[in-house]
């Protein structure tokens, strides 16, 4: 069974400012606005690093701040390699990745020890942490990919998952007027084969390998990617983001941009 929880911002949490610095160090190109990106560019260009308060990447980095340097990590759908680079900066070196796009694999080859084009290439190996971030919605059979990934997860190992919420208000309200259009990015990304609500995520997790713990959280829209930096790089905007995030935690079905899951294998 999966238990929902509300995370609480604490004084010792990683600050937005620290994450912004990490973003700059990793790759400043990911701070450009979305409308400047090619529509069907390779994943490492198209999907930007989002260290902003309330984003899925911000959540992931907060989960990994105390990760032991000896942890063996498998990043499935590594894209730009931003999370792998952040882990490398923390001293974690046992980094491995799966990336189907050849151009993206070339881009991240210096970040990871090994980058495979298919998860089957890691059959027989085990990892302490698996990252399934914004990847399951891009495949026609997410259950098989999830099961294959979990086979490589060591007992007691953890998996971080992020999935778009198709019940978000930005999809529900247009649907009232008969609009269900695909776009270049976002929840209705034209490369998404699968749609997830919170209920479907729970069913999806229950149908996989047994999980000892499953903690849910939520993300908010990374509007910073659409706005000039002068509008969002300030304490007021950060405070507003935290309020938006609290609302998403309280009412995830309507306000969660993504479903975020931290699960531990039995």
Protein backbone atom coordinates (compact mmCIF):
# COMPACT_ATOMS: atom_id res chain seq x y z
CA UNK A 1 0.00 0.00 0.00
CA UNK A 2 1.14 3.52 -0.78
CA UNK A 3 0.79 6.27 1.79
CA UNK A 4 0.32 9.92 0.89
CA UNK A 5 2.31 12.49 2.79
CA UNK A 6 2.81 16.24 2.75
CA UNK A 7 6.40 17.36 2.81
CA UNK A 8 7.15 20.40 4.96
CA UNK A 9 9.71 23.05 4.13
CA UNK A 10 12.31 23.21 6.87
CA UNK A 11 15.13 25.61 7.57
CA UNK A 12 17.74 22.97 6.79
CA UNK A 13 16.27 22.16 3.37
CA UNK A 14 18.26 22.94 0.25
CA UNK A 15 17.41 26.54 -0.60
CA UNK A 16 16.19 27.82 -3.94
CA UNK A 17 19.33 29.93 -4.17
CA UNK A 18 21.59 26.91 -3.77
CA UNK A 19 19.73 25.08 -6.50
CA UNK A 20 20.00 28.07 -8.82
CA UNK A 21 23.76 28.06 -8.35
CA UNK A 22 23.84 24.33 -9.13
CA UNK A 23 21.79 24.98 -12.25
CA UNK A 24 24.26 27.60 -13.44
CA UNK A 25 27.23 25.32 -12.84
CA UNK A 26 25.64 22.34 -14.57
CA UNK A 27 24.60 24.09 -17.77
CA UNK A 28 23.45 27.68 -18.27
CA UNK A 29 21.81 26.84 -21.58
CA UNK A 30 18.85 25.31 -19.71
CA UNK A 31 17.78 28.75 -18.46
CA UNK A 32 16.62 29.95 -21.90
CA UNK A 33 12.88 30.20 -22.53
CA UNK A 34 10.95 27.30 -24.03
CA UNK A 35 9.90 29.15 -27.15
CA UNK A 36 13.52 29.37 -28.28
CA UNK A 37 13.91 25.60 -28.41
CA UNK A 38 13.41 23.47 -31.55
CA UNK A 39 10.09 21.64 -31.42
CA UNK A 40 11.49 18.14 -31.93
CA UNK A 41 15.04 18.67 -30.71
CA UNK A 42 16.93 15.86 -28.97
CA UNK A 43 15.88 15.25 -25.33
CA UNK A 44 18.98 16.86 -23.84
CA UNK A 45 18.07 20.13 -25.60
CA UNK A 46 14.30 19.96 -25.52
CA UNK A 47 13.74 19.09 -21.87
CA UNK A 48 15.29 21.70 -19.64
CA UNK A 49 16.78 21.46 -16.18
CA UNK A 50 14.26 22.93 -13.72
CA UNK A 51 15.76 23.59 -10.26
CA UNK A 52 13.01 26.07 -9.37
CA UNK A 53 11.01 25.81 -6.14
CA UNK A 54 8.26 23.22 -6.54
CA UNK A 55 9.54 21.61 -9.75
CA UNK A 56 10.20 17.88 -10.06
CA UNK A 57 13.96 18.48 -10.33
CA UNK A 58 13.89 20.62 -7.18
CA UNK A 59 12.11 17.75 -5.40
CA UNK A 60 14.60 15.17 -6.68
CA UNK A 61 17.63 17.19 -5.61
CA UNK A 62 16.14 17.57 -2.12
CA UNK A 63 15.76 13.78 -1.86
CA UNK A 64 19.38 13.22 -2.85
CA UNK A 65 21.22 15.70 -0.64
CA UNK A 66 22.31 13.03 1.86
CA UNK A 67 22.96 10.26 -0.68
CA UNK A 68 26.06 8.20 0.22
CA UNK A 69 28.82 8.61 -2.37
CA UNK A 70 29.00 4.82 -2.80
CA UNK A 71 25.40 4.62 -4.05
CA UNK A 72 24.96 2.86 -7.39
CA UNK A 73 22.51 4.91 -9.46
CA UNK A 74 20.63 4.04 -12.65
CA UNK A 75 19.09 7.03 -14.44
CA UNK A 76 16.48 5.73 -16.89
CA UNK A 77 15.82 8.35 -19.54
CA UNK A 78 18.74 10.57 -18.54
CA UNK A 79 17.99 13.30 -21.11
CA UNK A 80 20.33 16.21 -20.47
CA UNK A 81 22.10 14.38 -17.64
CA UNK A 82 21.44 17.31 -15.29
CA UNK A 83 20.53 15.10 -12.34
CA UNK A 84 23.52 12.88 -12.97
CA UNK A 85 25.76 15.92 -13.08
CA UNK A 86 24.32 17.18 -9.79
CA UNK A 87 25.04 13.79 -8.19
CA UNK A 88 28.54 13.82 -9.60
CA UNK A 89 29.12 17.20 -7.97
CA UNK A 90 28.11 15.56 -4.67
CA UNK A 91 30.82 12.94 -5.11
CA UNK A 92 28.61 10.10 -6.37
CA UNK A 93 30.51 8.36 -9.17
CA UNK A 94 28.72 5.02 -9.65
CA UNK A 95 26.37 6.56 -12.20
CA UNK A 96 24.76 4.63 -15.05
CA UNK A 97 22.08 5.65 -17.53
CA UNK A 98 19.61 4.43 -20.13
CA UNK A 99 18.88 6.81 -22.99
CA UNK A 100 17.27 5.81 -26.30
CA UNK A 101 18.28 8.95 -28.19
CA UNK A 102 21.74 8.60 -29.74
CA UNK A 103 22.47 12.32 -29.68
CA UNK A 104 21.53 12.55 -26.02
CA UNK A 105 23.69 9.51 -25.21
CA UNK A 106 26.66 11.26 -26.78
CA UNK A 107 25.89 14.38 -24.76
CA UNK A 108 25.92 12.59 -21.38
CA UNK A 109 28.65 10.01 -21.97
CA UNK A 110 31.14 11.91 -19.79
CA UNK A 111 28.71 12.16 -16.88
CA UNK A 112 27.88 8.48 -16.48
CA UNK A 113 30.14 5.43 -16.22
CA UNK A 114 28.03 3.71 -18.86
CA UNK A 115 25.13 4.84 -21.03
CA UNK A 116 23.00 2.11 -22.62
CA UNK A 117 20.30 2.39 -25.26
CA UNK A 118 18.09 -0.24 -23.58
CA UNK A 119 17.58 -1.26 -19.96
CA UNK A 120 18.14 -4.90 -20.89
CA UNK A 121 21.85 -4.09 -21.15
CA UNK A 122 21.90 -3.83 -17.35
CA UNK A 123 20.24 -7.20 -16.81
CA UNK A 124 21.89 -9.09 -13.97
CA UNK A 125 23.22 -5.95 -12.28
CA UNK A 126 21.71 -4.22 -9.26
CA UNK A 127 21.45 -0.58 -8.21
CA UNK A 128 20.69 1.20 -4.94
CA UNK A 129 18.73 4.01 -6.59
CA UNK A 130 16.76 4.15 -9.82
CA UNK A 131 15.51 7.38 -11.38
CA UNK A 132 12.38 7.20 -13.56
CA UNK A 133 11.87 10.90 -14.14
CA UNK A 134 9.53 12.02 -16.92
CA UNK A 135 10.08 8.80 -18.83
CA UNK A 136 7.23 6.32 -18.26
CA UNK A 137 4.72 8.51 -20.09
CA UNK A 138 6.92 8.38 -23.21
CA UNK A 139 6.65 4.61 -23.74
CA UNK A 140 3.79 2.48 -25.03
CA UNK A 141 4.22 -0.13 -22.29
CA UNK A 142 5.23 1.65 -19.07
CA UNK A 143 4.43 -1.37 -16.91
CA UNK A 144 7.08 -3.47 -18.65
CA UNK A 145 9.68 -0.73 -18.38
CA UNK A 146 8.87 -0.24 -14.71
CA UNK A 147 9.08 -3.98 -14.02
CA UNK A 148 12.38 -4.28 -15.90
CA UNK A 149 13.81 -1.35 -13.95
CA UNK A 150 12.66 -2.75 -10.62
CA UNK A 151 14.38 -6.06 -11.38
CA UNK A 152 17.68 -4.18 -11.19
CA UNK A 153 16.80 -2.49 -7.88
CA UNK A 154 18.55 -4.03 -4.89
CA UNK A 155 16.46 -5.07 -1.84
CA UNK A 156 15.89 -1.95 0.24
CA UNK A 157 16.80 0.21 -2.77
CA UNK A 158 14.81 3.30 -3.69
CA UNK A 159 13.18 4.57 -6.86
CA UNK A 160 12.18 8.16 -7.65
CA UNK A 161 9.37 8.59 -10.17
CA UNK A 162 7.77 11.64 -11.75
CA UNK A 163 4.66 11.44 -13.94
CA UNK A 164 2.50 14.19 -15.50
CA UNK A 165 -0.95 14.69 -14.01
CA UNK A 166 -3.53 14.61 -16.79
CA UNK A 167 -6.21 15.72 -14.27
CA UNK A 168 -4.41 19.06 -13.75
CA UNK A 169 -6.61 22.15 -14.11
CA UNK A 170 -4.81 23.15 -17.32
CA UNK A 171 -6.17 19.99 -18.97
CA UNK A 172 -9.55 19.77 -17.22
CA UNK A 173 -10.78 23.28 -17.96
CA UNK A 174 -10.08 23.21 -21.74
CA UNK A 175 -11.69 19.76 -21.85
CA UNK A 176 -14.95 21.33 -20.62
CA UNK A 177 -14.96 23.25 -23.92
CA UNK A 178 -14.03 20.25 -26.04
CA UNK A 179 -10.34 21.08 -26.27
CA UNK A 180 -7.87 18.21 -25.88
CA UNK A 181 -4.94 19.36 -27.96
CA UNK A 182 -1.34 18.20 -27.97
CA UNK A 183 1.53 20.65 -27.62
CA UNK A 184 5.29 20.63 -27.95
CA UNK A 185 5.89 20.32 -24.18
CA UNK A 186 4.11 20.01 -20.87
CA UNK A 187 1.43 17.58 -19.73
CA UNK A 188 -0.01 17.31 -23.23
CA UNK A 189 3.40 16.80 -24.85
CA UNK A 190 2.81 15.24 -28.26
CA UNK A 191 5.39 12.53 -27.46
CA UNK A 192 3.40 11.27 -24.45
CA UNK A 193 1.81 7.87 -25.02
CA UNK A 194 0.42 7.51 -21.50
CA UNK A 195 -1.73 9.63 -19.21
CA UNK A 196 -1.74 9.40 -15.42
CA UNK A 197 -4.07 10.50 -12.65
CA UNK A 198 -3.21 9.97 -8.97
CA UNK A 199 -5.55 6.95 -8.93
CA UNK A 200 -3.89 5.37 -11.96
CA UNK A 201 -0.43 5.92 -10.43
CA UNK A 202 -1.51 4.01 -7.30
CA UNK A 203 -2.89 1.16 -9.41
CA UNK A 204 0.26 1.18 -11.52
CA UNK A 205 2.52 0.86 -8.48
CA UNK A 206 0.41 -1.89 -6.92
CA UNK A 207 0.68 -3.99 -10.09
CA UNK A 208 4.48 -3.96 -9.93
CA UNK A 209 6.98 -5.56 -7.54
CA UNK A 210 6.17 -5.29 -3.79
CA UNK A 211 7.09 -1.91 -2.31
CA UNK A 212 7.83 -1.43 1.38
CA UNK A 213 7.20 2.30 1.35
CA UNK A 214 5.66 4.65 -1.16
CA UNK A 215 5.53 8.39 -0.47
CA UNK A 216 3.64 10.79 -2.74
CA UNK A 217 4.32 14.44 -3.39
CA UNK A 218 3.42 17.01 -6.06
CA UNK A 219 5.09 19.55 -8.30
CA UNK A 220 3.88 22.85 -9.73
CA UNK A 221 4.17 24.36 -13.18
CA UNK A 222 7.73 25.59 -13.93
CA UNK A 223 6.51 28.97 -15.14
CA UNK A 224 10.04 30.34 -14.65
CA UNK A 225 10.89 28.84 -18.05
CA UNK A 226 8.40 31.18 -19.67
CA UNK A 227 9.21 34.37 -17.75
CA UNK A 228 12.13 36.81 -17.79
CA UNK A 229 14.54 36.05 -14.98
CA UNK A 230 13.92 39.47 -13.43
CA UNK A 231 10.32 38.44 -12.69
CA UNK A 232 11.06 35.17 -10.90
CA UNK A 233 14.52 35.53 -9.39
CA UNK A 234 13.39 37.24 -6.20
CA UNK A 235 12.06 36.38 -2.70
CA UNK A 236 8.48 37.41 -3.51
CA UNK A 237 8.16 35.00 -6.42
CA UNK A 238 9.76 32.24 -4.34
CA UNK A 239 7.20 32.83 -1.57
CA UNK A 240 4.37 32.66 -4.12
CA UNK A 241 5.81 29.41 -5.47
CA UNK A 242 5.78 27.91 -1.98
CA UNK A 243 2.12 28.88 -1.58
CA UNK A 244 1.31 27.30 -4.95
CA UNK A 245 3.20 24.18 -3.89
CA UNK A 246 1.27 23.94 -0.61
CA UNK A 247 -1.98 24.09 -2.59
CA UNK A 248 -0.73 21.35 -4.93
CA UNK A 249 0.11 19.16 -1.92
CA UNK A 250 -3.34 19.76 -0.42
CA UNK A 251 -5.30 19.24 -3.65
CA UNK A 252 -3.05 17.15 -5.93
CA UNK A 253 -5.82 15.91 -8.19
CA UNK A 254 -6.50 19.40 -9.50
CA UNK A 255 -3.31 21.39 -8.84
CA UNK A 256 -0.41 18.89 -8.99
CA UNK A 257 1.46 19.41 -12.24
CA UNK A 258 3.24 16.10 -11.73
CA UNK A 259 2.87 13.16 -9.39
CA UNK A 260 6.14 12.55 -7.54
CA UNK A 261 6.81 9.21 -5.88
CA UNK A 262 9.59 8.00 -3.59
CA UNK A 263 9.31 4.22 -3.23
CA UNK A 264 11.43 1.61 -1.50
CA UNK A 265 11.64 -2.02 -2.51
CA UNK A 266 11.06 -4.75 0.05
